[in-house]
Amino acid sequence: MANVETVRQILLDYFAGKVINLHPALPGQSPGTDAIAQAFARFQQGEIDHSGCMVHSVIPEVDAGPVIAIATVPFAQADTLETFSARMHAAEHRLIVAAIQQCVLQQTYH
């Protein structure tokens, strides 16, 4: 039986450039899990004043594929993790719809 990574690579090779991912961070920031909480912690430490989300093509490296679309989400001074998370999720919902529309419109059909 093939392992999960082998199957994953076969699928990525077969569907090259056609698999997308919604990630709750801007390109190059917080790859992997807990990106919203990581951004909020950096905001609380005064390191950043905004974060965002992106849709990208999936490649073997986590959250490192070519970016299809991004949305920035500013922090508010009164933000809690919960209020910021809610705004991030709202931005993600808008972004994934726009990115899928963009991908479909750019698709060449034969």
PDB file of N, CA and C in Angstrom:
ATOM      1  N   MET A   1       0.846  -1.177   0.000  1.00  0.00           N
ATOM      2  CA  MET A   1       0.000   0.000   0.000  1.00  0.00           C
ATOM      3  C   MET A   1       0.897   1.249   0.000  1.00  0.00           C
ATOM      4  N   ALA A   2       0.532   2.211  -0.830  1.00  0.00           N
ATOM      5  CA  ALA A   2       1.301   3.451  -0.914  1.00  0.00           C
ATOM      6  C   ALA A   2       1.045   4.302   0.323  1.00  0.00           C
ATOM      7  N   ASN A   3       2.075   5.036   0.742  1.00  0.00           N
ATOM      8  CA  ASN A   3       1.866   5.915   1.895  1.00  0.00           C
ATOM      9  C   ASN A   3       1.191   7.214   1.461  1.00  0.00           C
ATOM     10  N   VAL A   4       0.745   7.986   2.420  1.00  0.00           N
ATOM     11  CA  VAL A   4      -0.014   9.205   2.153  1.00  0.00           C
ATOM     12  C   VAL A   4       0.795  10.196   1.322  1.00  0.00           C
ATOM     13  N   GLU A   5       2.066  10.361   1.625  1.00  0.00           N
ATOM     14  CA  GLU A   5       2.892  11.318   0.871  1.00  0.00           C
ATOM     15  C   GLU A   5       3.038  10.901  -0.588  1.00  0.00           C
ATOM     16  N   THR A   6       3.152   9.604  -0.843  1.00  0.00           N
ATOM     17  CA  THR A   6       3.253   9.123  -2.223  1.00  0.00           C
ATOM     18  C   THR A   6       1.964   9.420  -2.979  1.00  0.00           C
ATOM     19  N   VAL A   7       0.839   9.132  -2.366  1.00  0.00           N
ATOM     20  CA  VAL A   7      -0.452   9.411  -2.993  1.00  0.00           C
ATOM     21  C   VAL A   7      -0.617  10.910  -3.207  1.00  0.00           C
ATOM     22  N   ARG A   8      -0.241  11.702  -2.230  1.00  0.00           N
ATOM     23  CA  ARG A   8      -0.332  13.165  -2.338  1.00  0.00           C
ATOM     24  C   ARG A   8       0.488  13.661  -3.524  1.00  0.00           C
ATOM     25  N   GLN A   9       1.707  13.164  -3.666  1.00  0.00           N
ATOM     26  CA  GLN A   9       2.569  13.602  -4.761  1.00  0.00           C
ATOM     27  C   GLN A   9       2.006  13.170  -6.113  1.00  0.00           C
ATOM     28  N   ILE A  10       1.467  11.966  -6.194  1.00  0.00           N
ATOM     29  CA  ILE A  10       0.856  11.500  -7.446  1.00  0.00           C
ATOM     30  C   ILE A  10      -0.303  12.416  -7.832  1.00  0.00           C
ATOM     31  N   LEU A  11      -1.147  12.763  -6.864  1.00  0.00           N
ATOM     32  CA  LEU A  11      -2.277  13.651  -7.140  1.00  0.00           C
ATOM     33  C   LEU A  11      -1.813  15.046  -7.547  1.00  0.00           C
ATOM     34  N   LEU A  12      -0.806  15.573  -6.858  1.00  0.00           N
ATOM     35  CA  LEU A  12      -0.298  16.905  -7.214  1.00  0.00           C
ATOM     36  C   LEU A  12       0.321  16.898  -8.603  1.00  0.00           C
ATOM     37  N   ASP A  13       1.012  15.829  -8.953  1.00  0.00           N
ATOM     38  CA  ASP A  13       1.586  15.728 -10.299  1.00  0.00           C
ATOM     39  C   ASP A  13       0.478  15.657 -11.351  1.00  0.00           C
ATOM     40  N   TYR A  14      -0.522  14.840 -11.092  1.00  0.00           N
ATOM     41  CA  TYR A  14      -1.606  14.645 -12.056  1.00  0.00           C
ATOM     42  C   TYR A  14      -2.430  15.924 -12.237  1.00  0.00           C
ATOM     43  N   PHE A  15      -2.705  16.607 -11.148  1.00  0.00           N
ATOM     44  CA  PHE A  15      -3.522  17.822 -11.191  1.00  0.00           C
ATOM     45  C   PHE A  15      -2.667  19.086 -11.052  1.00  0.00           C
ATOM     46  N   ALA A  16      -1.467  19.058 -11.566  1.00  0.00           N
ATOM     47  CA  ALA A  16      -0.530  20.182 -11.429  1.00  0.00           C
ATOM     48  C   ALA A  16      -1.191  21.505 -11.814  1.00  0.00           C
ATOM     49  N   GLY A  17      -1.122  22.465 -10.889  1.00  0.00           N
ATOM     50  CA  GLY A  17      -1.674  23.785 -11.136  1.00  0.00           C
ATOM     51  C   GLY A  17      -3.184  23.881 -11.006  1.00  0.00           C
ATOM     52  N   LYS A  18      -3.840  22.789 -10.637  1.00  0.00           N
ATOM     53  CA  LYS A  18      -5.298  22.789 -10.558  1.00  0.00           C
ATOM     54  C   LYS A  18      -5.831  22.573  -9.140  1.00  0.00           C
ATOM     55  N   VAL A  19      -4.949  22.441  -8.172  1.00  0.00           N
ATOM     56  CA  VAL A  19      -5.351  22.274  -6.778  1.00  0.00           C
ATOM     57  C   VAL A  19      -5.035  23.579  -6.056  1.00  0.00           C
ATOM     58  N   ILE A  20      -6.037  24.137  -5.374  1.00  0.00           N
ATOM     59  CA  ILE A  20      -5.823  25.399  -4.670  1.00  0.00           C
ATOM     60  C   ILE A  20      -6.070  25.216  -3.179  1.00  0.00           C
ATOM     61  N   ASN A  21      -5.550  26.156  -2.410  1.00  0.00           N
ATOM     62  CA  ASN A  21      -5.694  26.130  -0.957  1.00  0.00           C
ATOM     63  C   ASN A  21      -5.995  27.536  -0.458  1.00  0.00           C
ATOM     64  N   LEU A  22      -6.871  27.625   0.515  1.00  0.00           N
ATOM     65  CA  LEU A  22      -7.159  28.880   1.213  1.00  0.00           C
ATOM     66  C   LEU A  22      -6.368  28.858   2.507  1.00  0.00           C
ATOM     67  N   HIS A  23      -5.512  29.858   2.702  1.00  0.00           N
ATOM     68  CA  HIS A  23      -4.666  29.904   3.896  1.00  0.00           C
ATOM     69  C   HIS A  23      -4.852  31.245   4.601  1.00  0.00           C
ATOM     70  N   PRO A  24      -5.072  31.238   5.917  1.00  0.00           N
ATOM     71  CA  PRO A  24      -5.342  32.476   6.652  1.00  0.00           C
ATOM     72  C   PRO A  24      -4.084  33.250   7.048  1.00  0.00           C
ATOM     73  N   ALA A  25      -3.257  33.534   6.065  1.00  0.00           N
ATOM     74  CA  ALA A  25      -2.062  34.363   6.280  1.00  0.00           C
ATOM     75  C   ALA A  25      -1.647  34.934   4.937  1.00  0.00           C
ATOM     76  N   LEU A  26      -0.873  35.987   4.975  1.00  0.00           N
ATOM     77  CA  LEU A  26      -0.334  36.568   3.755  1.00  0.00           C
ATOM     78  C   LEU A  26       0.854  35.733   3.283  1.00  0.00           C
ATOM     79  N   PRO A  27       1.222  35.861   2.006  1.00  0.00           N
ATOM     80  CA  PRO A  27       2.339  35.064   1.488  1.00  0.00           C
ATOM     81  C   PRO A  27       3.600  35.223   2.338  1.00  0.00           C
ATOM     82  N   GLY A  28       4.205  34.092   2.667  1.00  0.00           N
ATOM     83  CA  GLY A  28       5.445  34.097   3.432  1.00  0.00           C
ATOM     84  C   GLY A  28       5.282  34.238   4.932  1.00  0.00           C
ATOM     85  N   GLN A  29       4.058  34.419   5.402  1.00  0.00           N
ATOM     86  CA  GLN A  29       3.813  34.579   6.839  1.00  0.00           C
ATOM     87  C   GLN A  29       3.051  33.377   7.379  1.00  0.00           C
ATOM     88  N   SER A  30       3.504  32.817   8.457  1.00  0.00           N
ATOM     89  CA  SER A  30       2.790  31.773   9.202  1.00  0.00           C
ATOM     90  C   SER A  30       2.290  30.606   8.360  1.00  0.00           C
ATOM     91  N   PRO A  31       3.195  29.880   7.684  1.00  0.00           N
ATOM     92  CA  PRO A  31       2.732  28.681   6.982  1.00  0.00           C
ATOM     93  C   PRO A  31       2.278  27.621   7.979  1.00  0.00           C
ATOM     94  N   GLY A  32       1.377  26.771   7.537  1.00  0.00           N
ATOM     95  CA  GLY A  32       0.908  25.688   8.396  1.00  0.00           C
ATOM     96  C   GLY A  32      -0.287  26.094   9.231  1.00  0.00           C
ATOM     97  N   THR A  33      -0.401  25.478  10.394  1.00  0.00           N
ATOM     98  CA  THR A  33      -1.586  25.662  11.234  1.00  0.00           C
ATOM     99  C   THR A  33      -1.455  26.858  12.181  1.00  0.00           C
ATOM    100  N   ASP A  34      -2.563  27.274  12.733  1.00  0.00           N
ATOM    101  CA  ASP A  34      -2.652  28.336  13.748  1.00  0.00           C
ATOM    102  C   ASP A  34      -2.190  29.705  13.254  1.00  0.00           C
ATOM    103  N   ALA A  35      -2.356  29.971  11.971  1.00  0.00           N
ATOM    104  CA  ALA A  35      -1.873  31.230  11.401  1.00  0.00           C
ATOM    105  C   ALA A  35      -2.585  32.447  11.983  1.00  0.00           C
ATOM    106  N   ILE A  36      -3.877  32.347  12.237  1.00  0.00           N
ATOM    107  CA  ILE A  36      -4.610  33.497  12.777  1.00  0.00           C
ATOM    108  C   ILE A  36      -4.112  33.826  14.180  1.00  0.00           C
ATOM    109  N   ALA A  37      -3.961  32.823  15.008  1.00  0.00           N
ATOM    110  CA  ALA A  37      -3.461  33.045  16.375  1.00  0.00           C
ATOM    111  C   ALA A  37      -2.033  33.580  16.351  1.00  0.00           C
ATOM    112  N   GLN A  38      -1.207  33.097  15.428  1.00  0.00           N
ATOM    113  CA  GLN A  38       0.164  33.600  15.319  1.00  0.00           C
ATOM    114  C   GLN A  38       0.168  35.075  14.933  1.00  0.00           C
ATOM    115  N   ALA A  39      -0.673  35.442  13.973  1.00  0.00           N
ATOM    116  CA  ALA A  39      -0.748  36.848  13.563  1.00  0.00           C
ATOM    117  C   ALA A  39      -1.241  37.718  14.712  1.00  0.00           C
ATOM    118  N   PHE A  40      -2.239  37.252  15.439  1.00  0.00           N
ATOM    119  CA  PHE A  40      -2.761  38.033  16.558  1.00  0.00           C
ATOM    120  C   PHE A  40      -1.688  38.237  17.623  1.00  0.00           C
ATOM    121  N   ALA A  41      -0.907  37.217  17.899  1.00  0.00           N
ATOM    122  CA  ALA A  41       0.183  37.342  18.879  1.00  0.00           C
ATOM    123  C   ALA A  41       1.212  38.366  18.404  1.00  0.00           C
ATOM    124  N   ARG A  42       1.528  38.365  17.113  1.00  0.00           N
ATOM    125  CA  ARG A  42       2.487  39.352  16.589  1.00  0.00           C
ATOM    126  C   ARG A  42       1.910  40.765  16.654  1.00  0.00           C
ATOM    127  N   PHE A  43       0.601  40.904  16.444  1.00  0.00           N
ATOM    128  CA  PHE A  43      -0.058  42.201  16.596  1.00  0.00           C
ATOM    129  C   PHE A  43       0.058  42.679  18.041  1.00  0.00           C
ATOM    130  N   GLN A  44      -0.228  41.817  18.994  1.00  0.00           N
ATOM    131  CA  GLN A  44      -0.155  42.188  20.407  1.00  0.00           C
ATOM    132  C   GLN A  44       1.260  42.592  20.811  1.00  0.00           C
ATOM    133  N   GLN A  45       2.258  42.052  20.145  1.00  0.00           N
ATOM    134  CA  GLN A  45       3.653  42.397  20.437  1.00  0.00           C
ATOM    135  C   GLN A  45       4.107  43.636  19.668  1.00  0.00           C
ATOM    136  N   GLY A  46       3.191  44.235  18.889  1.00  0.00           N
ATOM    137  CA  GLY A  46       3.511  45.447  18.149  1.00  0.00           C
ATOM    138  C   GLY A  46       4.321  45.212  16.888  1.00  0.00           C
ATOM    139  N   GLU A  47       4.369  43.990  16.406  1.00  0.00           N
ATOM    140  CA  GLU A  47       5.190  43.665  15.237  1.00  0.00           C
ATOM    141  C   GLU A  47       4.480  43.924  13.913  1.00  0.00           C
ATOM    142  N   ILE A  48       3.150  43.814  13.884  1.00  0.00           N
ATOM    143  CA  ILE A  48       2.395  44.001  12.643  1.00  0.00           C
ATOM    144  C   ILE A  48       1.112  44.769  12.939  1.00  0.00           C
ATOM    145  N   ASP A  49       0.569  45.425  11.902  1.00  0.00           N
ATOM    146  CA  ASP A  49      -0.705  46.129  12.074  1.00  0.00           C
ATOM    147  C   ASP A  49      -1.799  45.565  11.171  1.00  0.00           C
ATOM    148  N   HIS A  50      -1.458  44.526  10.402  1.00  0.00           N
ATOM    149  CA  HIS A  50      -2.451  43.858   9.564  1.00  0.00           C
ATOM    150  C   HIS A  50      -1.985  42.434   9.276  1.00  0.00           C
ATOM    151  N   SER A  51      -2.916  41.643   8.857  1.00  0.00           N
ATOM    152  CA  SER A  51      -2.627  40.290   8.397  1.00  0.00           C
ATOM    153  C   SER A  51      -3.480  40.090   7.160  1.00  0.00           C
ATOM    154  N   GLY A  52      -3.858  38.888   6.880  1.00  0.00           N
ATOM    155  CA  GLY A  52      -4.691  38.648   5.714  1.00  0.00           C
ATOM    156  C   GLY A  52      -4.766  37.177   5.392  1.00  0.00           C
ATOM    157  N   CYS A  53      -5.291  36.907   4.218  1.00  0.00           N
ATOM    158  CA  CYS A  53      -5.421  35.528   3.776  1.00  0.00           C
ATOM    159  C   CYS A  53      -5.075  35.451   2.298  1.00  0.00           C
ATOM    160  N   MET A  54      -4.823  34.241   1.860  1.00  0.00           N
ATOM    161  CA  MET A  54      -4.472  34.045   0.458  1.00  0.00           C
ATOM    162  C   MET A  54      -5.044  32.733  -0.049  1.00  0.00           C
ATOM    163  N   VAL A  55      -5.245  32.698  -1.349  1.00  0.00           N
ATOM    164  CA  VAL A  55      -5.522  31.462  -2.057  1.00  0.00           C
ATOM    165  C   VAL A  55      -4.307  31.236  -2.936  1.00  0.00           C
ATOM    166  N   HIS A  56      -3.780  30.017  -2.883  1.00  0.00           N
ATOM    167  CA  HIS A  56      -2.584  29.714  -3.664  1.00  0.00           C
ATOM    168  C   HIS A  56      -2.695  28.335  -4.281  1.00  0.00           C
ATOM    169  N   SER A  57      -1.911  28.112  -5.328  1.00  0.00           N
ATOM    170  CA  SER A  57      -1.810  26.778  -5.910  1.00  0.00           C
ATOM    171  C   SER A  57      -1.047  25.898  -4.938  1.00  0.00           C
ATOM    172  N   VAL A  58      -1.443  24.644  -4.861  1.00  0.00           N
ATOM    173  CA  VAL A  58      -0.793  23.716  -3.942  1.00  0.00           C
ATOM    174  C   VAL A  58       0.427  23.097  -4.610  1.00  0.00           C
ATOM    175  N   ILE A  59       1.537  23.135  -3.892  1.00  0.00           N
ATOM    176  CA  ILE A  59       2.780  22.478  -4.280  1.00  0.00           C
ATOM    177  C   ILE A  59       3.221  21.649  -3.074  1.00  0.00           C
ATOM    178  N   PRO A  60       4.244  20.824  -3.231  1.00  0.00           N
ATOM    179  CA  PRO A  60       4.649  19.992  -2.085  1.00  0.00           C
ATOM    180  C   PRO A  60       4.993  20.780  -0.820  1.00  0.00           C
ATOM    181  N   GLU A  61       5.570  21.969  -0.952  1.00  0.00           N
ATOM    182  CA  GLU A  61       5.902  22.774   0.220  1.00  0.00           C
ATOM    183  C   GLU A  61       4.625  23.415   0.770  1.00  0.00           C
ATOM    184  N   VAL A  62       4.484  23.403   2.077  1.00  0.00           N
ATOM    185  CA  VAL A  62       3.264  23.888   2.728  1.00  0.00           C
ATOM    186  C   VAL A  62       3.091  25.398   2.543  1.00  0.00           C
ATOM    187  N   ASP A  63       1.936  25.782   2.013  1.00  0.00           N
ATOM    188  CA  ASP A  63       1.532  27.190   1.870  1.00  0.00           C
ATOM    189  C   ASP A  63       2.564  28.042   1.135  1.00  0.00           C
ATOM    190  N   ALA A  64       3.212  27.456   0.131  1.00  0.00           N
ATOM    191  CA  ALA A  64       4.267  28.165  -0.590  1.00  0.00           C
ATOM    192  C   ALA A  64       4.022  28.235  -2.095  1.00  0.00           C
ATOM    193  N   GLY A  65       2.870  27.780  -2.553  1.00  0.00           N
ATOM    194  CA  GLY A  65       2.600  27.778  -3.986  1.00  0.00           C
ATOM    195  C   GLY A  65       2.321  29.166  -4.530  1.00  0.00           C
ATOM    196  N   PRO A  66       2.297  29.274  -5.867  1.00  0.00           N
ATOM    197  CA  PRO A  66       2.011  30.565  -6.493  1.00  0.00           C
ATOM    198  C   PRO A  66       0.680  31.145  -5.999  1.00  0.00           C
ATOM    199  N   VAL A  67       0.711  32.415  -5.669  1.00  0.00           N
ATOM    200  CA  VAL A  67      -0.462  33.091  -5.108  1.00  0.00           C
ATOM    201  C   VAL A  67      -1.454  33.417  -6.221  1.00  0.00           C
ATOM    202  N   ILE A  68      -2.708  33.105  -5.966  1.00  0.00           N
ATOM    203  CA  ILE A  68      -3.792  33.404  -6.898  1.00  0.00           C
ATOM    204  C   ILE A  68      -4.485  34.700  -6.496  1.00  0.00           C
ATOM    205  N   ALA A  69      -4.715  34.878  -5.196  1.00  0.00           N
ATOM    206  CA  ALA A  69      -5.404  36.076  -4.706  1.00  0.00           C
ATOM    207  C   ALA A  69      -5.082  36.279  -3.230  1.00  0.00           C
ATOM    208  N   ILE A  70      -5.082  37.543  -2.812  1.00  0.00           N
ATOM    209  CA  ILE A  70      -4.873  37.857  -1.394  1.00  0.00           C
ATOM    210  C   ILE A  70      -5.895  38.894  -0.945  1.00  0.00           C
ATOM    211  N   ALA A  71      -6.120  38.921   0.352  1.00  0.00           N
ATOM    212  CA  ALA A  71      -6.945  39.957   0.981  1.00  0.00           C
ATOM    213  C   ALA A  71      -6.249  40.351   2.274  1.00  0.00           C
ATOM    214  N   THR A  72      -6.135  41.637   2.520  1.00  0.00           N
ATOM    215  CA  THR A  72      -5.545  42.088   3.775  1.00  0.00           C
ATOM    216  C   THR A  72      -6.655  42.390   4.776  1.00  0.00           C
ATOM    217  N   VAL A  73      -6.338  42.152   6.033  1.00  0.00           N
ATOM    218  CA  VAL A  73      -7.285  42.395   7.123  1.00  0.00           C
ATOM    219  C   VAL A  73      -6.545  43.182   8.203  1.00  0.00           C
ATOM    220  N   PRO A  74      -6.906  44.458   8.402  1.00  0.00           N
ATOM    221  CA  PRO A  74      -6.225  45.254   9.424  1.00  0.00           C
ATOM    222  C   PRO A  74      -6.675  44.862  10.830  1.00  0.00           C
ATOM    223  N   PHE A  75      -5.808  45.100  11.773  1.00  0.00           N
ATOM    224  CA  PHE A  75      -6.162  44.912  13.178  1.00  0.00           C
ATOM    225  C   PHE A  75      -6.800  46.191  13.692  1.00  0.00           C
ATOM    226  N   ALA A  76      -7.713  46.058  14.637  1.00  0.00           N
ATOM    227  CA  ALA A  76      -8.286  47.189  15.364  1.00  0.00           C
ATOM    228  C   ALA A  76      -7.729  47.131  16.782  1.00  0.00           C
ATOM    229  N   GLN A  77      -7.501  48.287  17.394  1.00  0.00           N
ATOM    230  CA  GLN A  77      -6.925  48.314  18.740  1.00  0.00           C
ATOM    231  C   GLN A  77      -7.750  47.509  19.740  1.00  0.00           C
ATOM    232  N   ALA A  78      -9.065  47.472  19.549  1.00  0.00           N
ATOM    233  CA  ALA A  78      -9.936  46.755  20.487  1.00  0.00           C
ATOM    234  C   ALA A  78     -10.078  45.268  20.159  1.00  0.00           C
ATOM    235  N   ASP A  79      -9.366  44.802  19.141  1.00  0.00           N
ATOM    236  CA  ASP A  79      -9.510  43.404  18.730  1.00  0.00           C
ATOM    237  C   ASP A  79      -9.168  42.423  19.834  1.00  0.00           C
ATOM    238  N   THR A  80      -9.950  41.362  19.865  1.00  0.00           N
ATOM    239  CA  THR A  80      -9.606  40.160  20.619  1.00  0.00           C
ATOM    240  C   THR A  80      -9.314  39.103  19.555  1.00  0.00           C
ATOM    241  N   LEU A  81      -8.791  37.985  19.967  1.00  0.00           N
ATOM    242  CA  LEU A  81      -8.560  36.911  19.002  1.00  0.00           C
ATOM    243  C   LEU A  81      -9.874  36.535  18.318  1.00  0.00           C
ATOM    244  N   GLU A  82     -10.960  36.539  19.067  1.00  0.00           N
ATOM    245  CA  GLU A  82     -12.256  36.155  18.509  1.00  0.00           C
ATOM    246  C   GLU A  82     -12.753  37.163  17.474  1.00  0.00           C
ATOM    247  N   THR A  83     -12.649  38.466  17.757  1.00  0.00           N
ATOM    248  CA  THR A  83     -13.142  39.461  16.797  1.00  0.00           C
ATOM    249  C   THR A  83     -12.273  39.478  15.550  1.00  0.00           C
ATOM    250  N   PHE A  84     -10.963  39.350  15.737  1.00  0.00           N
ATOM    251  CA  PHE A  84     -10.080  39.310  14.573  1.00  0.00           C
ATOM    252  C   PHE A  84     -10.331  38.047  13.753  1.00  0.00           C
ATOM    253  N   SER A  85     -10.496  36.920  14.422  1.00  0.00           N
ATOM    254  CA  SER A  85     -10.778  35.659  13.717  1.00  0.00           C
ATOM    255  C   SER A  85     -12.050  35.773  12.884  1.00  0.00           C
ATOM    256  N   ALA A  86     -13.064  36.408  13.437  1.00  0.00           N
ATOM    257  CA  ALA A  86     -14.327  36.562  12.705  1.00  0.00           C
ATOM    258  C   ALA A  86     -14.121  37.380  11.435  1.00  0.00           C
ATOM    259  N   ARG A  87     -13.350  38.465  11.513  1.00  0.00           N
ATOM    260  CA  ARG A  87     -13.072  39.272  10.321  1.00  0.00           C
ATOM    261  C   ARG A  87     -12.227  38.502   9.317  1.00  0.00           C
ATOM    262  N   MET A  88     -11.281  37.722   9.810  1.00  0.00           N
ATOM    263  CA  MET A  88     -10.463  36.896   8.911  1.00  0.00           C
ATOM    264  C   MET A  88     -11.335  35.879   8.178  1.00  0.00           C
ATOM    265  N   HIS A  89     -12.228  35.222   8.903  1.00  0.00           N
ATOM    266  CA  HIS A  89     -13.080  34.214   8.265  1.00  0.00           C
ATOM    267  C   HIS A  89     -14.008  34.853   7.230  1.00  0.00           C
ATOM    268  N   ALA A  90     -14.514  36.032   7.517  1.00  0.00           N
ATOM    269  CA  ALA A  90     -15.351  36.738   6.540  1.00  0.00           C
ATOM    270  C   ALA A  90     -14.537  37.066   5.286  1.00  0.00           C
ATOM    271  N   ALA A  91     -13.299  37.513   5.473  1.00  0.00           N
ATOM    272  CA  ALA A  91     -12.425  37.805   4.330  1.00  0.00           C
ATOM    273  C   ALA A  91     -12.114  36.530   3.548  1.00  0.00           C
ATOM    274  N   GLU A  92     -11.882  35.433   4.262  1.00  0.00           N
ATOM    275  CA  GLU A  92     -11.618  34.153   3.591  1.00  0.00           C
ATOM    276  C   GLU A  92     -12.804  33.728   2.731  1.00  0.00           C
ATOM    277  N   HIS A  93     -14.013  33.886   3.254  1.00  0.00           N
ATOM    278  CA  HIS A  93     -15.209  33.485   2.507  1.00  0.00           C
ATOM    279  C   HIS A  93     -15.325  34.279   1.209  1.00  0.00           C
ATOM    280  N   ARG A  94     -15.092  35.581   1.277  1.00  0.00           N
ATOM    281  CA  ARG A  94     -15.141  36.409   0.062  1.00  0.00           C
ATOM    282  C   ARG A  94     -14.016  36.027  -0.895  1.00  0.00           C
ATOM    283  N   LEU A  95     -12.827  35.805  -0.342  1.00  0.00           N
ATOM    284  CA  LEU A  95     -11.657  35.546  -1.178  1.00  0.00           C
ATOM    285  C   LEU A  95     -11.757  34.220  -1.919  1.00  0.00           C
ATOM    286  N   ILE A  96     -12.212  33.166  -1.261  1.00  0.00           N
ATOM    287  CA  ILE A  96     -12.262  31.866  -1.933  1.00  0.00           C
ATOM    288  C   ILE A  96     -13.241  31.894  -3.102  1.00  0.00           C
ATOM    289  N   VAL A  97     -14.357  32.594  -2.940  1.00  0.00           N
ATOM    290  CA  VAL A  97     -15.322  32.710  -4.038  1.00  0.00           C
ATOM    291  C   VAL A  97     -14.692  33.463  -5.207  1.00  0.00           C
ATOM    292  N   ALA A  98     -14.047  34.580  -4.925  1.00  0.00           N
ATOM    293  CA  ALA A  98     -13.413  35.369  -5.984  1.00  0.00           C
ATOM    294  C   ALA A  98     -12.300  34.579  -6.668  1.00  0.00           C
ATOM    295  N   ALA A  99     -11.517  33.839  -5.896  1.00  0.00           N
ATOM    296  CA  ALA A  99     -10.410  33.075  -6.470  1.00  0.00           C
ATOM    297  C   ALA A  99     -10.918  31.938  -7.351  1.00  0.00           C
ATOM    298  N   ILE A 100     -11.968  31.266  -6.922  1.00  0.00           N
ATOM    299  CA  ILE A 100     -12.531  30.190  -7.752  1.00  0.00           C
ATOM    300  C   ILE A 100     -13.093  30.770  -9.042  1.00  0.00           C
ATOM    301  N   GLN A 101     -13.783  31.893  -8.949  1.00  0.00           N
ATOM    302  CA  GLN A 101     -14.290  32.542 -10.162  1.00  0.00           C
ATOM    303  C   GLN A 101     -13.139  32.887 -11.098  1.00  0.00           C
ATOM    304  N   GLN A 102     -12.063  33.425 -10.550  1.00  0.00           N
ATOM    305  CA  GLN A 102     -10.893  33.777 -11.352  1.00  0.00           C
ATOM    306  C   GLN A 102     -10.308  32.534 -12.018  1.00  0.00           C
ATOM    307  N   CYS A 103     -10.177  31.450 -11.281  1.00  0.00           N
ATOM    308  CA  CYS A 103      -9.622  30.208 -11.835  1.00  0.00           C
ATOM    309  C   CYS A 103     -10.503  29.653 -12.947  1.00  0.00           C
ATOM    310  N   VAL A 104     -11.815  29.684 -12.752  1.00  0.00           N
ATOM    311  CA  VAL A 104     -12.737  29.170 -13.764  1.00  0.00           C
ATOM    312  C   VAL A 104     -12.667  30.021 -15.025  1.00  0.00           C
ATOM    313  N   LEU A 105     -12.634  31.329 -14.874  1.00  0.00           N
ATOM    314  CA  LEU A 105     -12.575  32.209 -16.042  1.00  0.00           C
ATOM    315  C   LEU A 105     -11.278  32.045 -16.824  1.00  0.00           C
ATOM    316  N   GLN A 106     -10.201  31.690 -16.154  1.00  0.00           N
ATOM    317  CA  GLN A 106      -8.913  31.518 -16.826  1.00  0.00           C
ATOM    318  C   GLN A 106      -8.732  30.121 -17.402  1.00  0.00           C
ATOM    319  N   GLN A 107      -9.633  29.207 -17.077  1.00  0.00           N
ATOM    320  CA  GLN A 107      -9.538  27.822 -17.536  1.00  0.00           C
ATOM    321  C   GLN A 107      -9.781  27.756 -19.039  1.00  0.00           C
ATOM    322  N   THR A 108      -8.973  26.988 -19.726  1.00  0.00           N
ATOM    323  CA  THR A 108      -9.157  26.763 -21.154  1.00  0.00           C
ATOM    324  C   THR A 108      -9.862  25.426 -21.339  1.00  0.00           C
ATOM    325  N   TYR A 109     -10.987  25.452 -22.007  1.00  0.00           N
ATOM    326  CA  TYR A 109     -11.748  24.228 -22.256  1.00  0.00           C
ATOM    327  C   TYR A 109     -11.541  23.791 -23.697  1.00  0.00           C
ATOM    328  N   HIS A 110     -11.447  22.495 -23.911  1.00  0.00           N
ATOM    329  CA  HIS A 110     -11.246  21.950 -25.265  1.00  0.00           C
ATOM    330  C   HIS A 110     -12.446  21.134 -25.673  1.00  0.00           C
TER     331      HIS A 110
END
